[in-house]
Amino acid sequence: MIEKIFEKIKEDFSETRVYEKLDDEVLNWVVEDWKDDGFESEYDWYCDFRNGEAESVIIHELIVHYEESKKLNVDERIDLIDLIKNHYGFVCS
């Protein structure tokens, strides 16, 4: 069942769309003076100083989008989170 749900999420959210959402969300977690720490990009700073908050927000959005039609139990949600992280390559979470 989780695989069907995951396939639906992939249909509704292309990798490009997910990465655009992630790029926008990362900016919400980066401090204004990130350059002062010697980083080349906001994303580099985020990966060093945050704990995957932006990825968690995006994963939550993907699951909530699906759950508008059916609620998942805890085990299903955990399995789906793992599939999403692996598929979209969320490396900072």
PDB file of N, CA and C in Angstrom:
ATOM      1  N   MET A   1       0.818  -1.195   0.000  1.00  0.00           N
ATOM      2  CA  MET A   1       0.000   0.000   0.000  1.00  0.00           C
ATOM      3  C   MET A   1       0.861   1.257   0.000  1.00  0.00           C
ATOM      4  N   ILE A   2       1.927   1.262   0.770  1.00  0.00           N
ATOM      5  CA  ILE A   2       2.790   2.437   0.839  1.00  0.00           C
ATOM      6  C   ILE A   2       3.371   2.749  -0.538  1.00  0.00           C
ATOM      7  N   GLU A   3       3.696   1.738  -1.297  1.00  0.00           N
ATOM      8  CA  GLU A   3       4.257   1.959  -2.623  1.00  0.00           C
ATOM      9  C   GLU A   3       3.267   2.688  -3.524  1.00  0.00           C
ATOM     10  N   LYS A   4       1.967   2.356  -3.425  1.00  0.00           N
ATOM     11  CA  LYS A   4       0.938   3.039  -4.215  1.00  0.00           C
ATOM     12  C   LYS A   4       0.832   4.505  -3.799  1.00  0.00           C
ATOM     13  N   ILE A   5       0.877   4.739  -2.509  1.00  0.00           N
ATOM     14  CA  ILE A   5       0.814   6.110  -2.000  1.00  0.00           C
ATOM     15  C   ILE A   5       2.031   6.890  -2.501  1.00  0.00           C
ATOM     16  N   PHE A   6       3.183   6.267  -2.410  1.00  0.00           N
ATOM     17  CA  PHE A   6       4.416   6.918  -2.850  1.00  0.00           C
ATOM     18  C   PHE A   6       4.364   7.223  -4.348  1.00  0.00           C
ATOM     19  N   GLU A   7       3.841   6.314  -5.147  1.00  0.00           N
ATOM     20  CA  GLU A   7       3.701   6.542  -6.588  1.00  0.00           C
ATOM     21  C   GLU A   7       2.778   7.734  -6.850  1.00  0.00           C
ATOM     22  N   LYS A   8       1.726   7.864  -6.085  1.00  0.00           N
ATOM     23  CA  LYS A   8       0.806   8.997  -6.222  1.00  0.00           C
ATOM     24  C   LYS A   8       1.522  10.302  -5.891  1.00  0.00           C
ATOM     25  N   ILE A   9       2.316  10.299  -4.834  1.00  0.00           N
ATOM     26  CA  ILE A   9       3.069  11.498  -4.461  1.00  0.00           C
ATOM     27  C   ILE A   9       4.039  11.865  -5.571  1.00  0.00           C
ATOM     28  N   LYS A  10       4.735  10.878  -6.136  1.00  0.00           N
ATOM     29  CA  LYS A  10       5.678  11.154  -7.221  1.00  0.00           C
ATOM     30  C   LYS A  10       4.964  11.709  -8.448  1.00  0.00           C
ATOM     31  N   GLU A  11       3.742  11.244  -8.720  1.00  0.00           N
ATOM     32  CA  GLU A  11       2.956  11.777  -9.832  1.00  0.00           C
ATOM     33  C   GLU A  11       2.619  13.251  -9.606  1.00  0.00           C
ATOM     34  N   ASP A  12       2.233  13.569  -8.385  1.00  0.00           N
ATOM     35  CA  ASP A  12       1.781  14.926  -8.063  1.00  0.00           C
ATOM     36  C   ASP A  12       2.924  15.906  -7.827  1.00  0.00           C
ATOM     37  N   PHE A  13       4.106  15.387  -7.456  1.00  0.00           N
ATOM     38  CA  PHE A  13       5.229  16.250  -7.111  1.00  0.00           C
ATOM     39  C   PHE A  13       6.489  15.780  -7.827  1.00  0.00           C
ATOM     40  N   SER A  14       6.792  16.407  -8.947  1.00  0.00           N
ATOM     41  CA  SER A  14       8.014  16.064  -9.676  1.00  0.00           C
ATOM     42  C   SER A  14       9.227  16.410  -8.821  1.00  0.00           C
ATOM     43  N   GLU A  15      10.358  15.828  -9.162  1.00  0.00           N
ATOM     44  CA  GLU A  15      11.579  16.154  -8.430  1.00  0.00           C
ATOM     45  C   GLU A  15      11.866  17.645  -8.524  1.00  0.00           C
ATOM     46  N   THR A  16      11.664  18.224  -9.700  1.00  0.00           N
ATOM     47  CA  THR A  16      11.902  19.664  -9.869  1.00  0.00           C
ATOM     48  C   THR A  16      11.035  20.468  -8.922  1.00  0.00           C
ATOM     49  N   ARG A  17       9.766  20.128  -8.843  1.00  0.00           N
ATOM     50  CA  ARG A  17       8.846  20.853  -7.953  1.00  0.00           C
ATOM     51  C   ARG A  17       9.261  20.712  -6.492  1.00  0.00           C
ATOM     52  N   VAL A  18       9.653  19.510  -6.100  1.00  0.00           N
ATOM     53  CA  VAL A  18      10.062  19.282  -4.705  1.00  0.00           C
ATOM     54  C   VAL A  18      11.324  20.077  -4.394  1.00  0.00           C
ATOM     55  N   TYR A  19      12.297  20.067  -5.305  1.00  0.00           N
ATOM     56  CA  TYR A  19      13.546  20.795  -5.060  1.00  0.00           C
ATOM     57  C   TYR A  19      13.315  22.303  -5.017  1.00  0.00           C
ATOM     58  N   GLU A  20      12.391  22.803  -5.820  1.00  0.00           N
ATOM     59  CA  GLU A  20      12.057  24.227  -5.761  1.00  0.00           C
ATOM     60  C   GLU A  20      11.436  24.573  -4.413  1.00  0.00           C
ATOM     61  N   LYS A  21      10.527  23.714  -3.943  1.00  0.00           N
ATOM     62  CA  LYS A  21       9.912  23.924  -2.636  1.00  0.00           C
ATOM     63  C   LYS A  21      10.977  23.869  -1.538  1.00  0.00           C
ATOM     64  N   LEU A  22      11.909  22.920  -1.671  1.00  0.00           N
ATOM     65  CA  LEU A  22      12.976  22.786  -0.673  1.00  0.00           C
ATOM     66  C   LEU A  22      13.882  24.013  -0.675  1.00  0.00           C
ATOM     67  N   ASP A  23      14.270  24.480  -1.851  1.00  0.00           N
ATOM     68  CA  ASP A  23      15.105  25.686  -1.938  1.00  0.00           C
ATOM     69  C   ASP A  23      14.441  26.862  -1.239  1.00  0.00           C
ATOM     70  N   ASP A  24      13.151  27.036  -1.478  1.00  0.00           N
ATOM     71  CA  ASP A  24      12.420  28.129  -0.831  1.00  0.00           C
ATOM     72  C   ASP A  24      12.358  27.942   0.679  1.00  0.00           C
ATOM     73  N   GLU A  25      12.139  26.724   1.118  1.00  0.00           N
ATOM     74  CA  GLU A  25      12.013  26.450   2.554  1.00  0.00           C
ATOM     75  C   GLU A  25      13.348  26.591   3.274  1.00  0.00           C
ATOM     76  N   VAL A  26      14.436  26.191   2.644  1.00  0.00           N
ATOM     77  CA  VAL A  26      15.762  26.314   3.266  1.00  0.00           C
ATOM     78  C   VAL A  26      16.019  27.756   3.682  1.00  0.00           C
ATOM     79  N   LEU A  27      15.601  28.685   2.856  1.00  0.00           N
ATOM     80  CA  LEU A  27      15.830  30.105   3.154  1.00  0.00           C
ATOM     81  C   LEU A  27      15.149  30.541   4.449  1.00  0.00           C
ATOM     82  N   ASN A  28      14.097  29.843   4.846  1.00  0.00           N
ATOM     83  CA  ASN A  28      13.414  30.162   6.110  1.00  0.00           C
ATOM     84  C   ASN A  28      14.219  29.739   7.332  1.00  0.00           C
ATOM     85  N   TRP A  29      15.243  28.909   7.128  1.00  0.00           N
ATOM     86  CA  TRP A  29      16.010  28.357   8.239  1.00  0.00           C
ATOM     87  C   TRP A  29      17.442  28.886   8.306  1.00  0.00           C
ATOM     88  N   VAL A  30      17.801  29.777   7.398  1.00  0.00           N
ATOM     89  CA  VAL A  30      19.164  30.289   7.322  1.00  0.00           C
ATOM     90  C   VAL A  30      19.212  31.681   7.959  1.00  0.00           C
ATOM     91  N   VAL A  31      20.247  31.933   8.749  1.00  0.00           N
ATOM     92  CA  VAL A  31      20.407  33.246   9.369  1.00  0.00           C
ATOM     93  C   VAL A  31      20.893  34.254   8.331  1.00  0.00           C
ATOM     94  N   GLU A  32      20.595  35.527   8.562  1.00  0.00           N
ATOM     95  CA  GLU A  32      20.938  36.573   7.600  1.00  0.00           C
ATOM     96  C   GLU A  32      22.439  36.716   7.372  1.00  0.00           C
ATOM     97  N   ASP A  33      23.230  36.493   8.402  1.00  0.00           N
ATOM     98  CA  ASP A  33      24.675  36.703   8.271  1.00  0.00           C
ATOM     99  C   ASP A  33      25.435  35.411   7.977  1.00  0.00           C
ATOM    100  N   TRP A  34      24.827  34.508   7.207  1.00  0.00           N
ATOM    101  CA  TRP A  34      25.443  33.213   6.900  1.00  0.00           C
ATOM    102  C   TRP A  34      26.789  33.368   6.202  1.00  0.00           C
ATOM    103  N   LYS A  35      26.971  34.439   5.431  1.00  0.00           N
ATOM    104  CA  LYS A  35      28.237  34.653   4.721  1.00  0.00           C
ATOM    105  C   LYS A  35      29.384  34.915   5.698  1.00  0.00           C
ATOM    106  N   ASP A  36      29.058  35.501   6.844  1.00  0.00           N
ATOM    107  CA  ASP A  36      30.081  35.807   7.849  1.00  0.00           C
ATOM    108  C   ASP A  36      30.766  34.543   8.362  1.00  0.00           C
ATOM    109  N   ASP A  37      30.108  33.407   8.212  1.00  0.00           N
ATOM    110  CA  ASP A  37      30.678  32.135   8.656  1.00  0.00           C
ATOM    111  C   ASP A  37      31.555  31.494   7.581  1.00  0.00           C
ATOM    112  N   GLY A  38      31.706  32.182   6.442  1.00  0.00           N
ATOM    113  CA  GLY A  38      32.595  31.707   5.385  1.00  0.00           C
ATOM    114  C   GLY A  38      31.998  30.702   4.421  1.00  0.00           C
ATOM    115  N   PHE A  39      30.697  30.622   4.360  1.00  0.00           N
ATOM    116  CA  PHE A  39      30.051  29.662   3.467  1.00  0.00           C
ATOM    117  C   PHE A  39      29.797  30.274   2.094  1.00  0.00           C
ATOM    118  N   GLU A  40      29.806  29.418   1.062  1.00  0.00           N
ATOM    119  CA  GLU A  40      29.586  29.879  -0.304  1.00  0.00           C
ATOM    120  C   GLU A  40      28.108  30.038  -0.636  1.00  0.00           C
ATOM    121  N   SER A  41      27.246  29.321   0.058  1.00  0.00           N
ATOM    122  CA  SER A  41      25.812  29.407  -0.236  1.00  0.00           C
ATOM    123  C   SER A  41      24.992  29.200   1.034  1.00  0.00           C
ATOM    124  N   GLU A  42      23.743  29.631   0.948  1.00  0.00           N
ATOM    125  CA  GLU A  42      22.816  29.422   2.053  1.00  0.00           C
ATOM    126  C   GLU A  42      22.638  27.927   2.320  1.00  0.00           C
ATOM    127  N   TYR A  43      22.610  27.151   1.246  1.00  0.00           N
ATOM    128  CA  TYR A  43      22.406  25.717   1.387  1.00  0.00           C
ATOM    129  C   TYR A  43      23.566  25.072   2.142  1.00  0.00           C
ATOM    130  N   ASP A  44      24.800  25.482   1.833  1.00  0.00           N
ATOM    131  CA  ASP A  44      25.959  24.945   2.561  1.00  0.00           C
ATOM    132  C   ASP A  44      25.856  25.270   4.050  1.00  0.00           C
ATOM    133  N   TRP A  45      25.484  26.501   4.363  1.00  0.00           N
ATOM    134  CA  TRP A  45      25.325  26.900   5.768  1.00  0.00           C
ATOM    135  C   TRP A  45      24.230  26.048   6.419  1.00  0.00           C
ATOM    136  N   TYR A  46      23.113  25.921   5.711  1.00  0.00           N
ATOM    137  CA  TYR A  46      21.983  25.154   6.243  1.00  0.00           C
ATOM    138  C   TYR A  46      22.399  23.720   6.572  1.00  0.00           C
ATOM    139  N   CYS A  47      23.118  23.079   5.658  1.00  0.00           N
ATOM    140  CA  CYS A  47      23.515  21.680   5.887  1.00  0.00           C
ATOM    141  C   CYS A  47      24.436  21.532   7.098  1.00  0.00           C
ATOM    142  N   ASP A  48      25.236  22.545   7.383  1.00  0.00           N
ATOM    143  CA  ASP A  48      26.140  22.475   8.533  1.00  0.00           C
ATOM    144  C   ASP A  48      25.466  22.827   9.862  1.00  0.00           C
ATOM    145  N   PHE A  49      24.475  23.723   9.833  1.00  0.00           N
ATOM    146  CA  PHE A  49      23.941  24.249  11.084  1.00  0.00           C
ATOM    147  C   PHE A  49      22.507  23.848  11.412  1.00  0.00           C
ATOM    148  N   ARG A  50      21.797  23.275  10.489  1.00  0.00           N
ATOM    149  CA  ARG A  50      20.411  22.907  10.767  1.00  0.00           C
ATOM    150  C   ARG A  50      20.288  21.386  10.850  1.00  0.00           C
ATOM    151  N   ASN A  51      19.112  20.931  11.219  1.00  0.00           N
ATOM    152  CA  ASN A  51      18.885  19.501  11.451  1.00  0.00           C
ATOM    153  C   ASN A  51      17.804  18.921  10.541  1.00  0.00           C
ATOM    154  N   GLY A  52      17.743  19.394   9.305  1.00  0.00           N
ATOM    155  CA  GLY A  52      16.758  18.864   8.372  1.00  0.00           C
ATOM    156  C   GLY A  52      15.365  19.435   8.531  1.00  0.00           C
ATOM    157  N   GLU A  53      15.271  20.617   9.129  1.00  0.00           N
ATOM    158  CA  GLU A  53      13.954  21.218   9.337  1.00  0.00           C
ATOM    159  C   GLU A  53      13.232  21.485   8.017  1.00  0.00           C
ATOM    160  N   ALA A  54      13.955  22.006   7.030  1.00  0.00           N
ATOM    161  CA  ALA A  54      13.324  22.317   5.741  1.00  0.00           C
ATOM    162  C   ALA A  54      12.819  21.037   5.080  1.00  0.00           C
ATOM    163  N   GLU A  55      13.627  19.986   5.103  1.00  0.00           N
ATOM    164  CA  GLU A  55      13.205  18.714   4.536  1.00  0.00           C
ATOM    165  C   GLU A  55      11.962  18.186   5.250  1.00  0.00           C
ATOM    166  N   SER A  56      11.934  18.316   6.560  1.00  0.00           N
ATOM    167  CA  SER A  56      10.772  17.853   7.327  1.00  0.00           C
ATOM    168  C   SER A  56       9.506  18.592   6.928  1.00  0.00           C
ATOM    169  N   VAL A  57       9.632  19.897   6.696  1.00  0.00           N
ATOM    170  CA  VAL A  57       8.472  20.685   6.271  1.00  0.00           C
ATOM    171  C   VAL A  57       7.964  20.185   4.922  1.00  0.00           C
ATOM    172  N   ILE A  58       8.876  19.951   3.979  1.00  0.00           N
ATOM    173  CA  ILE A  58       8.476  19.499   2.649  1.00  0.00           C
ATOM    174  C   ILE A  58       7.872  18.094   2.719  1.00  0.00           C
ATOM    175  N   ILE A  59       8.499  17.202   3.455  1.00  0.00           N
ATOM    176  CA  ILE A  59       7.955  15.852   3.606  1.00  0.00           C
ATOM    177  C   ILE A  59       6.551  15.910   4.202  1.00  0.00           C
ATOM    178  N   HIS A  60       6.380  16.752   5.200  1.00  0.00           N
ATOM    179  CA  HIS A  60       5.062  16.917   5.819  1.00  0.00           C
ATOM    180  C   HIS A  60       4.040  17.393   4.779  1.00  0.00           C
ATOM    181  N   GLU A  61       4.420  18.361   3.947  1.00  0.00           N
ATOM    182  CA  GLU A  61       3.515  18.854   2.911  1.00  0.00           C
ATOM    183  C   GLU A  61       3.119  17.746   1.937  1.00  0.00           C
ATOM    184  N   LEU A  62       4.078  16.911   1.550  1.00  0.00           N
ATOM    185  CA  LEU A  62       3.788  15.829   0.616  1.00  0.00           C
ATOM    186  C   LEU A  62       2.815  14.830   1.233  1.00  0.00           C
ATOM    187  N   ILE A  63       3.033  14.495   2.491  1.00  0.00           N
ATOM    188  CA  ILE A  63       2.166  13.524   3.157  1.00  0.00           C
ATOM    189  C   ILE A  63       0.789  14.111   3.401  1.00  0.00           C
ATOM    190  N   VAL A  64       0.716  15.352   3.838  1.00  0.00           N
ATOM    191  CA  VAL A  64      -0.575  15.993   4.085  1.00  0.00           C
ATOM    192  C   VAL A  64      -1.382  16.066   2.784  1.00  0.00           C
ATOM    193  N   HIS A  65      -0.694  16.328   1.671  1.00  0.00           N
ATOM    194  CA  HIS A  65      -1.377  16.359   0.375  1.00  0.00           C
ATOM    195  C   HIS A  65      -2.079  15.025   0.122  1.00  0.00           C
ATOM    196  N   TYR A  66      -1.387  13.936   0.403  1.00  0.00           N
ATOM    197  CA  TYR A  66      -2.003  12.622   0.219  1.00  0.00           C
ATOM    198  C   TYR A  66      -3.101  12.387   1.255  1.00  0.00           C
ATOM    199  N   GLU A  67      -2.844  12.767   2.490  1.00  0.00           N
ATOM    200  CA  GLU A  67      -3.767  12.451   3.584  1.00  0.00           C
ATOM    201  C   GLU A  67      -5.084  13.214   3.505  1.00  0.00           C
ATOM    202  N   GLU A  68      -5.206  14.112   2.550  1.00  0.00           N
ATOM    203  CA  GLU A  68      -6.504  14.757   2.378  1.00  0.00           C
ATOM    204  C   GLU A  68      -7.573  13.726   2.026  1.00  0.00           C
ATOM    205  N   SER A  69      -7.135  12.598   1.442  1.00  0.00           N
ATOM    206  CA  SER A  69      -8.098  11.563   1.076  1.00  0.00           C
ATOM    207  C   SER A  69      -8.093  10.363   2.036  1.00  0.00           C
ATOM    208  N   LYS A  70      -6.984  10.108   2.727  1.00  0.00           N
ATOM    209  CA  LYS A  70      -6.917   8.962   3.633  1.00  0.00           C
ATOM    210  C   LYS A  70      -5.817   9.181   4.667  1.00  0.00           C
ATOM    211  N   LYS A  71      -6.136   8.955   5.917  1.00  0.00           N
ATOM    212  CA  LYS A  71      -5.150   9.091   6.988  1.00  0.00           C
ATOM    213  C   LYS A  71      -4.256   7.848   7.041  1.00  0.00           C
ATOM    214  N   LEU A  72      -2.974   8.080   7.339  1.00  0.00           N
ATOM    215  CA  LEU A  72      -2.012   6.990   7.484  1.00  0.00           C
ATOM    216  C   LEU A  72      -1.819   6.666   8.950  1.00  0.00           C
ATOM    217  N   ASN A  73      -1.516   5.395   9.240  1.00  0.00           N
ATOM    218  CA  ASN A  73      -1.159   5.066  10.608  1.00  0.00           C
ATOM    219  C   ASN A  73       0.333   5.387  10.805  1.00  0.00           C
ATOM    220  N   VAL A  74       0.820   5.263  12.009  1.00  0.00           N
ATOM    221  CA  VAL A  74       2.193   5.658  12.340  1.00  0.00           C
ATOM    222  C   VAL A  74       3.218   4.876  11.515  1.00  0.00           C
ATOM    223  N   ASP A  75       3.052   3.565  11.418  1.00  0.00           N
ATOM    224  CA  ASP A  75       4.007   2.751  10.664  1.00  0.00           C
ATOM    225  C   ASP A  75       4.005   3.122   9.188  1.00  0.00           C
ATOM    226  N   GLU A  76       2.831   3.353   8.619  1.00  0.00           N
ATOM    227  CA  GLU A  76       2.745   3.766   7.211  1.00  0.00           C
ATOM    228  C   GLU A  76       3.441   5.104   6.995  1.00  0.00           C
ATOM    229  N   ARG A  77       3.225   6.017   7.922  1.00  0.00           N
ATOM    230  CA  ARG A  77       3.836   7.344   7.813  1.00  0.00           C
ATOM    231  C   ARG A  77       5.365   7.235   7.858  1.00  0.00           C
ATOM    232  N   ILE A  78       5.895   6.442   8.768  1.00  0.00           N
ATOM    233  CA  ILE A  78       7.352   6.270   8.883  1.00  0.00           C
ATOM    234  C   ILE A  78       7.920   5.664   7.609  1.00  0.00           C
ATOM    235  N   ASP A  79       7.268   4.631   7.087  1.00  0.00           N
ATOM    236  CA  ASP A  79       7.728   4.007   5.840  1.00  0.00           C
ATOM    237  C   ASP A  79       7.683   5.001   4.685  1.00  0.00           C
ATOM    238  N   LEU A  80       6.640   5.798   4.617  1.00  0.00           N
ATOM    239  CA  LEU A  80       6.506   6.775   3.540  1.00  0.00           C
ATOM    240  C   LEU A  80       7.562   7.868   3.651  1.00  0.00           C
ATOM    241  N   ILE A  81       7.841   8.314   4.851  1.00  0.00           N
ATOM    242  CA  ILE A  81       8.897   9.314   5.063  1.00  0.00           C
ATOM    243  C   ILE A  81      10.236   8.776   4.556  1.00  0.00           C
ATOM    244  N   ASP A  82      10.544   7.533   4.878  1.00  0.00           N
ATOM    245  CA  ASP A  82      11.796   6.928   4.408  1.00  0.00           C
ATOM    246  C   ASP A  82      11.856   6.865   2.890  1.00  0.00           C
ATOM    247  N   LEU A  83      10.760   6.474   2.250  1.00  0.00           N
ATOM    248  CA  LEU A  83      10.723   6.419   0.786  1.00  0.00           C
ATOM    249  C   LEU A  83      10.937   7.805   0.175  1.00  0.00           C
ATOM    250  N   ILE A  84      10.294   8.808   0.745  1.00  0.00           N
ATOM    251  CA  ILE A  84      10.423  10.179   0.229  1.00  0.00           C
ATOM    252  C   ILE A  84      11.859  10.670   0.378  1.00  0.00           C
ATOM    253  N   LYS A  85      12.446  10.455   1.555  1.00  0.00           N
ATOM    254  CA  LYS A  85      13.828  10.901   1.774  1.00  0.00           C
ATOM    255  C   LYS A  85      14.781  10.246   0.783  1.00  0.00           C
ATOM    256  N   ASN A  86      14.617   8.951   0.575  1.00  0.00           N
ATOM    257  CA  ASN A  86      15.502   8.232  -0.330  1.00  0.00           C
ATOM    258  C   ASN A  86      15.294   8.646  -1.785  1.00  0.00           C
ATOM    259  N   HIS A  87      14.052   8.796  -2.197  1.00  0.00           N
ATOM    260  CA  HIS A  87      13.765   9.131  -3.584  1.00  0.00           C
ATOM    261  C   HIS A  87      14.238  10.531  -3.949  1.00  0.00           C
ATOM    262  N   TYR A  88      13.929  11.495  -3.111  1.00  0.00           N
ATOM    263  CA  TYR A  88      14.272  12.877  -3.420  1.00  0.00           C
ATOM    264  C   TYR A  88      15.682  13.249  -2.972  1.00  0.00           C
ATOM    265  N   GLY A  89      16.360  12.337  -2.301  1.00  0.00           N
ATOM    266  CA  GLY A  89      17.757  12.564  -1.945  1.00  0.00           C
ATOM    267  C   GLY A  89      17.963  13.674  -0.935  1.00  0.00           C
ATOM    268  N   PHE A  90      17.131  13.733   0.079  1.00  0.00           N
ATOM    269  CA  PHE A  90      17.280  14.744   1.111  1.00  0.00           C
ATOM    270  C   PHE A  90      18.497  14.389   1.961  1.00  0.00           C
ATOM    271  N   VAL A  91      19.597  15.072   1.724  1.00  0.00           N
ATOM    272  CA  VAL A  91      20.848  14.707   2.371  1.00  0.00           C
ATOM    273  C   VAL A  91      21.121  15.432   3.672  1.00  0.00           C
ATOM    274  N   CYS A  92      20.451  16.517   3.921  1.00  0.00           N
ATOM    275  CA  CYS A  92      20.722  17.276   5.141  1.00  0.00           C
ATOM    276  C   CYS A  92      19.798  16.886   6.278  1.00  0.00           C
ATOM    277  N   SER A  93      18.837  16.015   6.018  1.00  0.00           N
ATOM    278  CA  SER A  93      17.891  15.665   7.077  1.00  0.00           C
ATOM    279  C   SER A  93      18.359  14.474   7.874  1.00  0.00           C
TER     280      SER A  93
END
